[in-house]
Structure formats: structure tokens, C-alpha cells
PDB file of N, CA and C in Angstrom:
ATOM      1  N   MET A   1     -95.528  82.620 -84.535  1.00  0.00           N
ATOM      2  CA  MET A   1     -96.072  83.784 -83.891  1.00  0.00           C
ATOM      3  C   MET A   1     -97.434  84.171 -84.449  1.00  0.00           C
ATOM      4  N   PHE A   2     -97.794  83.606 -85.562  1.00  0.00           N
ATOM      5  CA  PHE A   2     -99.072  83.975 -86.169  1.00  0.00           C
ATOM      6  C   PHE A   2    -100.258  83.554 -85.309  1.00  0.00           C
ATOM      7  N   CYS A   3    -100.219  82.374 -84.779  1.00  0.00           N
ATOM      8  CA  CYS A   3    -101.357  81.858 -84.006  1.00  0.00           C
ATOM      9  C   CYS A   3    -101.481  82.522 -82.639  1.00  0.00           C
ATOM     10  N   HIS A   4    -100.353  82.744 -81.996  1.00  0.00           N
ATOM     11  CA  HIS A   4    -100.363  83.301 -80.646  1.00  0.00           C
ATOM     12  C   HIS A   4    -100.076  84.795 -80.635  1.00  0.00           C
ATOM     13  N   GLY A   5     -99.867  85.385 -81.783  1.00  0.00           N
ATOM     14  CA  GLY A   5     -99.572  86.814 -81.866  1.00  0.00           C
ATOM     15  C   GLY A   5     -98.173  87.129 -81.366  1.00  0.00           C
ATOM     16  N   THR A   6     -97.614  88.233 -81.800  1.00  0.00           N
ATOM     17  CA  THR A   6     -96.267  88.606 -81.373  1.00  0.00           C
ATOM     18  C   THR A   6     -96.222  89.000 -79.907  1.00  0.00           C
ATOM     19  N   ASP A   7     -97.367  89.358 -79.346  1.00  0.00           N
ATOM     20  CA  ASP A   7     -97.426  89.770 -77.942  1.00  0.00           C
ATOM     21  C   ASP A   7     -97.945  88.664 -77.023  1.00  0.00           C
ATOM     22  N   GLY A   8     -98.157  87.460 -77.568  1.00  0.00           N
ATOM     23  CA  GLY A   8     -98.630  86.342 -76.758  1.00  0.00           C
ATOM     24  C   GLY A   8    -100.129  86.265 -76.610  1.00  0.00           C
ATOM     25  N   LYS A   9    -100.831  87.179 -77.258  1.00  0.00           N
ATOM     26  CA  LYS A   9    -102.295  87.156 -77.230  1.00  0.00           C
ATOM     27  C   LYS A   9    -102.780  86.443 -78.489  1.00  0.00           C
ATOM     28  N   ALA A  10    -103.537  85.394 -78.296  1.00  0.00           N
ATOM     29  CA  ALA A  10    -103.983  84.550 -79.405  1.00  0.00           C
ATOM     30  C   ALA A  10    -104.739  85.344 -80.458  1.00  0.00           C
ATOM     31  N   THR A  11    -104.537  84.956 -81.706  1.00  0.00           N
ATOM     32  CA  THR A  11    -105.217  85.615 -82.817  1.00  0.00           C
ATOM     33  C   THR A  11    -106.586  85.010 -83.082  1.00  0.00           C
ATOM     34  N   GLN A  12    -106.855  83.834 -82.522  1.00  0.00           N
ATOM     35  CA  GLN A  12    -108.157  83.178 -82.640  1.00  0.00           C
ATOM     36  C   GLN A  12    -108.511  82.567 -81.284  1.00  0.00           C
ATOM     37  N   VAL A  13    -109.786  82.456 -81.015  1.00  0.00           N
ATOM     38  CA  VAL A  13    -110.213  81.934 -79.710  1.00  0.00           C
ATOM     39  C   VAL A  13    -109.812  80.479 -79.483  1.00  0.00           C
ATOM     40  N   SER A  14    -109.547  79.735 -80.539  1.00  0.00           N
ATOM     41  CA  SER A  14    -109.174  78.330 -80.376  1.00  0.00           C
ATOM     42  C   SER A  14    -107.706  78.150 -79.977  1.00  0.00           C
ATOM     43  N   TYR A  15    -106.919  79.224 -79.996  1.00  0.00           N
ATOM     44  CA  TYR A  15    -105.506  79.159 -79.608  1.00  0.00           C
ATOM     45  C   TYR A  15    -105.339  79.749 -78.211  1.00  0.00           C
ATOM     46  N   PRO A  16    -104.472  79.170 -77.392  1.00  0.00           N
ATOM     47  CA  PRO A  16    -104.285  79.717 -76.043  1.00  0.00           C
ATOM     48  C   PRO A  16    -103.419  80.978 -76.046  1.00  0.00           C
ATOM     49  N   ASN A  17    -103.689  81.859 -75.102  1.00  0.00           N
ATOM     50  CA  ASN A  17    -102.808  83.004 -74.882  1.00  0.00           C
ATOM     51  C   ASN A  17    -101.538  82.504 -74.212  1.00  0.00           C
ATOM     52  N   LEU A  18    -100.416  83.080 -74.576  1.00  0.00           N
ATOM     53  CA  LEU A  18     -99.149  82.728 -73.946  1.00  0.00           C
ATOM     54  C   LEU A  18     -98.739  83.739 -72.887  1.00  0.00           C
ATOM     55  N   ASP A  19     -99.161  84.979 -73.057  1.00  0.00           N
ATOM     56  CA  ASP A  19     -98.745  86.025 -72.127  1.00  0.00           C
ATOM     57  C   ASP A  19     -99.256  85.745 -70.723  1.00  0.00           C
ATOM     58  N   GLY A  20     -98.362  85.880 -69.761  1.00  0.00           N
ATOM     59  CA  GLY A  20     -98.738  85.685 -68.368  1.00  0.00           C
ATOM     60  C   GLY A  20     -98.751  84.243 -67.880  1.00  0.00           C
ATOM     61  N   GLN A  21     -98.557  83.269 -68.765  1.00  0.00           N
ATOM     62  CA  GLN A  21     -98.460  81.868 -68.327  1.00  0.00           C
ATOM     63  C   GLN A  21     -97.150  81.698 -67.565  1.00  0.00           C
ATOM     64  N   SER A  22     -97.062  80.700 -66.730  1.00  0.00           N
ATOM     65  CA  SER A  22     -95.814  80.487 -65.994  1.00  0.00           C
ATOM     66  C   SER A  22     -94.719  80.010 -66.947  1.00  0.00           C
ATOM     67  N   ALA A  23     -93.501  80.435 -66.671  1.00  0.00           N
ATOM     68  CA  ALA A  23     -92.366  80.067 -67.517  1.00  0.00           C
ATOM     69  C   ALA A  23     -92.176  78.554 -67.544  1.00  0.00           C
ATOM     70  N   GLU A  24     -92.340  77.909 -66.404  1.00  0.00           N
ATOM     71  CA  GLU A  24     -92.146  76.455 -66.351  1.00  0.00           C
ATOM     72  C   GLU A  24     -93.195  75.725 -67.188  1.00  0.00           C
ATOM     73  N   TYR A  25     -94.437  76.174 -67.116  1.00  0.00           N
ATOM     74  CA  TYR A  25     -95.486  75.563 -67.937  1.00  0.00           C
ATOM     75  C   TYR A  25     -95.174  75.739 -69.421  1.00  0.00           C
ATOM     76  N   LEU A  26     -94.825  76.956 -69.834  1.00  0.00           N
ATOM     77  CA  LEU A  26     -94.536  77.212 -71.246  1.00  0.00           C
ATOM     78  C   LEU A  26     -93.348  76.386 -71.722  1.00  0.00           C
ATOM     79  N   TYR A  27     -92.300  76.346 -70.911  1.00  0.00           N
ATOM     80  CA  TYR A  27     -91.124  75.556 -71.281  1.00  0.00           C
ATOM     81  C   TYR A  27     -91.488  74.079 -71.434  1.00  0.00           C
ATOM     82  N   SER A  28     -92.179  73.526 -70.443  1.00  0.00           N
ATOM     83  CA  SER A  28     -92.500  72.091 -70.503  1.00  0.00           C
ATOM     84  C   SER A  28     -93.454  71.776 -71.647  1.00  0.00           C
ATOM     85  N   ALA A  29     -94.368  72.682 -71.957  1.00  0.00           N
ATOM     86  CA  ALA A  29     -95.274  72.460 -73.088  1.00  0.00           C
ATOM     87  C   ALA A  29     -94.494  72.468 -74.400  1.00  0.00           C
ATOM     88  N   MET A  30     -93.610  73.452 -74.571  1.00  0.00           N
ATOM     89  CA  MET A  30     -92.808  73.506 -75.803  1.00  0.00           C
ATOM     90  C   MET A  30     -91.901  72.296 -75.921  1.00  0.00           C
ATOM     91  N   LYS A  31     -91.303  71.879 -74.821  1.00  0.00           N
ATOM     92  CA  LYS A  31     -90.426  70.707 -74.831  1.00  0.00           C
ATOM     93  C   LYS A  31     -91.217  69.458 -75.216  1.00  0.00           C
ATOM     94  N   ALA A  32     -92.414  69.314 -74.682  1.00  0.00           N
ATOM     95  CA  ALA A  32     -93.252  68.157 -75.013  1.00  0.00           C
ATOM     96  C   ALA A  32     -93.623  68.154 -76.495  1.00  0.00           C
ATOM     97  N   TYR A  33     -93.947  69.314 -77.043  1.00  0.00           N
ATOM     98  CA  TYR A  33     -94.213  69.389 -78.486  1.00  0.00           C
ATOM     99  C   TYR A  33     -92.962  69.010 -79.267  1.00  0.00           C
ATOM    100  N   GLN A  34     -91.832  69.546 -78.862  1.00  0.00           N
ATOM    101  CA  GLN A  34     -90.571  69.304 -79.554  1.00  0.00           C
ATOM    102  C   GLN A  34     -90.219  67.814 -79.576  1.00  0.00           C
ATOM    103  N   LEU A  35     -90.495  67.130 -78.491  1.00  0.00           N
ATOM    104  CA  LEU A  35     -90.172  65.705 -78.374  1.00  0.00           C
ATOM    105  C   LEU A  35     -91.258  64.790 -78.937  1.00  0.00           C
ATOM    106  N   GLY A  36     -92.347  65.368 -79.426  1.00  0.00           N
ATOM    107  CA  GLY A  36     -93.432  64.569 -79.977  1.00  0.00           C
ATOM    108  C   GLY A  36     -94.314  63.936 -78.922  1.00  0.00           C
ATOM    109  N   GLU A  37     -94.266  64.444 -77.695  1.00  0.00           N
ATOM    110  CA  GLU A  37     -95.056  63.888 -76.600  1.00  0.00           C
ATOM    111  C   GLU A  37     -96.467  64.453 -76.541  1.00  0.00           C
ATOM    112  N   ARG A  38     -96.710  65.525 -77.245  1.00  0.00           N
ATOM    113  CA  ARG A  38     -98.058  66.108 -77.296  1.00  0.00           C
ATOM    114  C   ARG A  38     -98.681  65.744 -78.628  1.00  0.00           C
ATOM    115  N   THR A  39     -99.974  65.478 -78.578  1.00  0.00           N
ATOM    116  CA  THR A  39    -100.695  65.127 -79.792  1.00  0.00           C
ATOM    117  C   THR A  39    -101.851  66.092 -79.977  1.00  0.00           C
ATOM    118  N   GLY A  40    -102.480  65.995 -81.094  1.00  0.00           N
ATOM    119  CA  GLY A  40    -103.614  66.862 -81.374  1.00  0.00           C
ATOM    120  C   GLY A  40    -103.455  67.501 -82.740  1.00  0.00           C
ATOM    121  N   PRO A  41    -104.467  68.242 -83.153  1.00  0.00           N
ATOM    122  CA  PRO A  41    -104.476  68.784 -84.507  1.00  0.00           C
ATOM    123  C   PRO A  41    -103.319  69.739 -84.812  1.00  0.00           C
ATOM    124  N   MET A  42    -102.790  70.433 -83.824  1.00  0.00           N
ATOM    125  CA  MET A  42    -101.723  71.400 -84.076  1.00  0.00           C
ATOM    126  C   MET A  42    -100.342  70.892 -83.649  1.00  0.00           C
ATOM    127  N   ALA A  43    -100.269  69.683 -83.135  1.00  0.00           N
ATOM    128  CA  ALA A  43     -99.019  69.172 -82.576  1.00  0.00           C
ATOM    129  C   ALA A  43     -97.888  69.122 -83.596  1.00  0.00           C
ATOM    130  N   GLU A  44     -98.160  68.667 -84.798  1.00  0.00           N
ATOM    131  CA  GLU A  44     -97.102  68.579 -85.809  1.00  0.00           C
ATOM    132  C   GLU A  44     -96.610  69.955 -86.229  1.00  0.00           C
ATOM    133  N   MET A  45     -97.519  70.913 -86.333  1.00  0.00           N
ATOM    134  CA  MET A  45     -97.107  72.268 -86.680  1.00  0.00           C
ATOM    135  C   MET A  45     -96.239  72.853 -85.560  1.00  0.00           C
ATOM    136  N   MET A  46     -96.644  72.644 -84.319  1.00  0.00           N
ATOM    137  CA  MET A  46     -95.857  73.144 -83.196  1.00  0.00           C
ATOM    138  C   MET A  46     -94.482  72.474 -83.169  1.00  0.00           C
ATOM    139  N   ARG A  47     -94.443  71.187 -83.396  1.00  0.00           N
ATOM    140  CA  ARG A  47     -93.167  70.461 -83.398  1.00  0.00           C
ATOM    141  C   ARG A  47     -92.242  71.010 -84.471  1.00  0.00           C
ATOM    142  N   ALA A  48     -92.770  71.260 -85.653  1.00  0.00           N
ATOM    143  CA  ALA A  48     -91.962  71.808 -86.745  1.00  0.00           C
ATOM    144  C   ALA A  48     -91.420  73.191 -86.390  1.00  0.00           C
ATOM    145  N   GLN A  49     -92.231  74.003 -85.721  1.00  0.00           N
ATOM    146  CA  GLN A  49     -91.797  75.352 -85.339  1.00  0.00           C
ATOM    147  C   GLN A  49     -90.686  75.313 -84.285  1.00  0.00           C
ATOM    148  N   LEU A  50     -90.718  74.319 -83.418  1.00  0.00           N
ATOM    149  CA  LEU A  50     -89.783  74.251 -82.298  1.00  0.00           C
ATOM    150  C   LEU A  50     -88.564  73.383 -82.567  1.00  0.00           C
ATOM    151  N   GLN A  51     -88.566  72.661 -83.655  1.00  0.00           N
ATOM    152  CA  GLN A  51     -87.558  71.646 -83.937  1.00  0.00           C
ATOM    153  C   GLN A  51     -86.120  72.172 -83.892  1.00  0.00           C
ATOM    154  N   ARG A  52     -85.876  73.352 -84.406  1.00  0.00           N
ATOM    155  CA  ARG A  52     -84.503  73.866 -84.498  1.00  0.00           C
ATOM    156  C   ARG A  52     -84.046  74.633 -83.260  1.00  0.00           C
ATOM    157  N   LEU A  53     -84.913  74.779 -82.288  1.00  0.00           N
ATOM    158  CA  LEU A  53     -84.566  75.550 -81.100  1.00  0.00           C
ATOM    159  C   LEU A  53     -83.890  74.671 -80.053  1.00  0.00           C
ATOM    160  N   ASN A  54     -82.909  75.238 -79.368  1.00  0.00           N
ATOM    161  CA  ASN A  54     -82.255  74.489 -78.297  1.00  0.00           C
ATOM    162  C   ASN A  54     -82.945  74.775 -76.963  1.00  0.00           C
ATOM    163  N   ASP A  55     -82.477  74.127 -75.922  1.00  0.00           N
ATOM    164  CA  ASP A  55     -83.101  74.243 -74.610  1.00  0.00           C
ATOM    165  C   ASP A  55     -83.108  75.686 -74.103  1.00  0.00           C
ATOM    166  N   GLN A  56     -82.010  76.404 -74.302  1.00  0.00           N
ATOM    167  CA  GLN A  56     -81.951  77.792 -73.844  1.00  0.00           C
ATOM    168  C   GLN A  56     -82.926  78.665 -74.619  1.00  0.00           C
ATOM    169  N   ASP A  57     -83.078  78.415 -75.918  1.00  0.00           N
ATOM    170  CA  ASP A  57     -84.065  79.155 -76.709  1.00  0.00           C
ATOM    171  C   ASP A  57     -85.461  78.978 -76.112  1.00  0.00           C
ATOM    172  N   LEU A  58     -85.809  77.745 -75.777  1.00  0.00           N
ATOM    173  CA  LEU A  58     -87.126  77.467 -75.202  1.00  0.00           C
ATOM    174  C   LEU A  58     -87.299  78.182 -73.867  1.00  0.00           C
ATOM    175  N   ARG A  59     -86.272  78.173 -73.047  1.00  0.00           N
ATOM    176  CA  ARG A  59     -86.350  78.860 -71.745  1.00  0.00           C
ATOM    177  C   ARG A  59     -86.479  80.373 -71.923  1.00  0.00           C
ATOM    178  N   ASP A  60     -85.769  80.921 -72.909  1.00  0.00           N
ATOM    179  CA  ASP A  60     -85.853  82.360 -73.179  1.00  0.00           C
ATOM    180  C   ASP A  60     -87.248  82.753 -73.657  1.00  0.00           C
ATOM    181  N   ILE A  61     -87.807  81.963 -74.548  1.00  0.00           N
ATOM    182  CA  ILE A  61     -89.164  82.233 -75.042  1.00  0.00           C
ATOM    183  C   ILE A  61     -90.160  82.155 -73.888  1.00  0.00           C
ATOM    184  N   ALA A  62     -90.021  81.119 -73.071  1.00  0.00           N
ATOM    185  CA  ALA A  62     -90.922  80.947 -71.926  1.00  0.00           C
ATOM    186  C   ALA A  62     -90.824  82.132 -70.970  1.00  0.00           C
ATOM    187  N   ALA A  63     -89.616  82.584 -70.689  1.00  0.00           N
ATOM    188  CA  ALA A  63     -89.427  83.719 -69.781  1.00  0.00           C
ATOM    189  C   ALA A  63     -90.025  84.991 -70.366  1.00  0.00           C
ATOM    190  N   PHE A  64     -89.866  85.188 -71.668  1.00  0.00           N
ATOM    191  CA  PHE A  64     -90.410  86.377 -72.326  1.00  0.00           C
ATOM    192  C   PHE A  64     -91.927  86.440 -72.161  1.00  0.00           C
ATOM    193  N   TYR A  65     -92.615  85.368 -72.512  1.00  0.00           N
ATOM    194  CA  TYR A  65     -94.079  85.382 -72.425  1.00  0.00           C
ATOM    195  C   TYR A  65     -94.576  85.374 -70.980  1.00  0.00           C
ATOM    196  N   ALA A  66     -93.835  84.730 -70.086  1.00  0.00           N
ATOM    197  CA  ALA A  66     -94.236  84.723 -68.676  1.00  0.00           C
ATOM    198  C   ALA A  66     -94.145  86.118 -68.066  1.00  0.00           C
ATOM    199  N   SER A  67     -93.246  86.935 -68.576  1.00  0.00           N
ATOM    200  CA  SER A  67     -93.065  88.276 -68.007  1.00  0.00           C
ATOM    201  C   SER A  67     -94.027  89.306 -68.586  1.00  0.00           C
ATOM    202  N   SER A  68     -94.758  88.940 -69.633  1.00  0.00           N
ATOM    203  CA  SER A  68     -95.701  89.894 -70.236  1.00  0.00           C
ATOM    204  C   SER A  68     -97.102  89.655 -69.704  1.00  0.00           C
ATOM    205  N   GLN A  69     -97.881  90.700 -69.662  1.00  0.00           N
ATOM    206  CA  GLN A  69     -99.260  90.597 -69.161  1.00  0.00           C
ATOM    207  C   GLN A  69    -100.198  91.286 -70.114  1.00  0.00           C
TER     208      GLN A  69
END
């Protein structure tokens, strides 16, 4: 939550905002990080953060941020 803020608004310009994104996009992005399908400088950190979450957890997180503006 540090990078994207507790409200889904990024704490730095290099991080994307999560608030208002579509739930399906957020879910698929988190799933791709979790499965190691996304690469880049933050991919390993994201994978570590998501590793212990199950599918429903990911869907709940996605729905939460998708519903905020």
C-alpha cells in the first residue's frame, strides 16, 4: 500500500493510480504479477506482495479500488 497509497492514489508519479481502474484490469494485472508473467523493475516486489493472496482476495482488492474515485 505504500506505493499506491491506502486510497489507491500513487505516492509517486512513477507508480500508477489504482483508484477508478476497472476491476477486471486490476485483477488480471495482479494475477499476472503473482504468476511471474509481468516483468520490470517492480515485478518481483509486486509478486512478493501478492504471493500469499488467493483468487478471491485479488478479486476483492480489485473491486475495492475499482469502486473508488
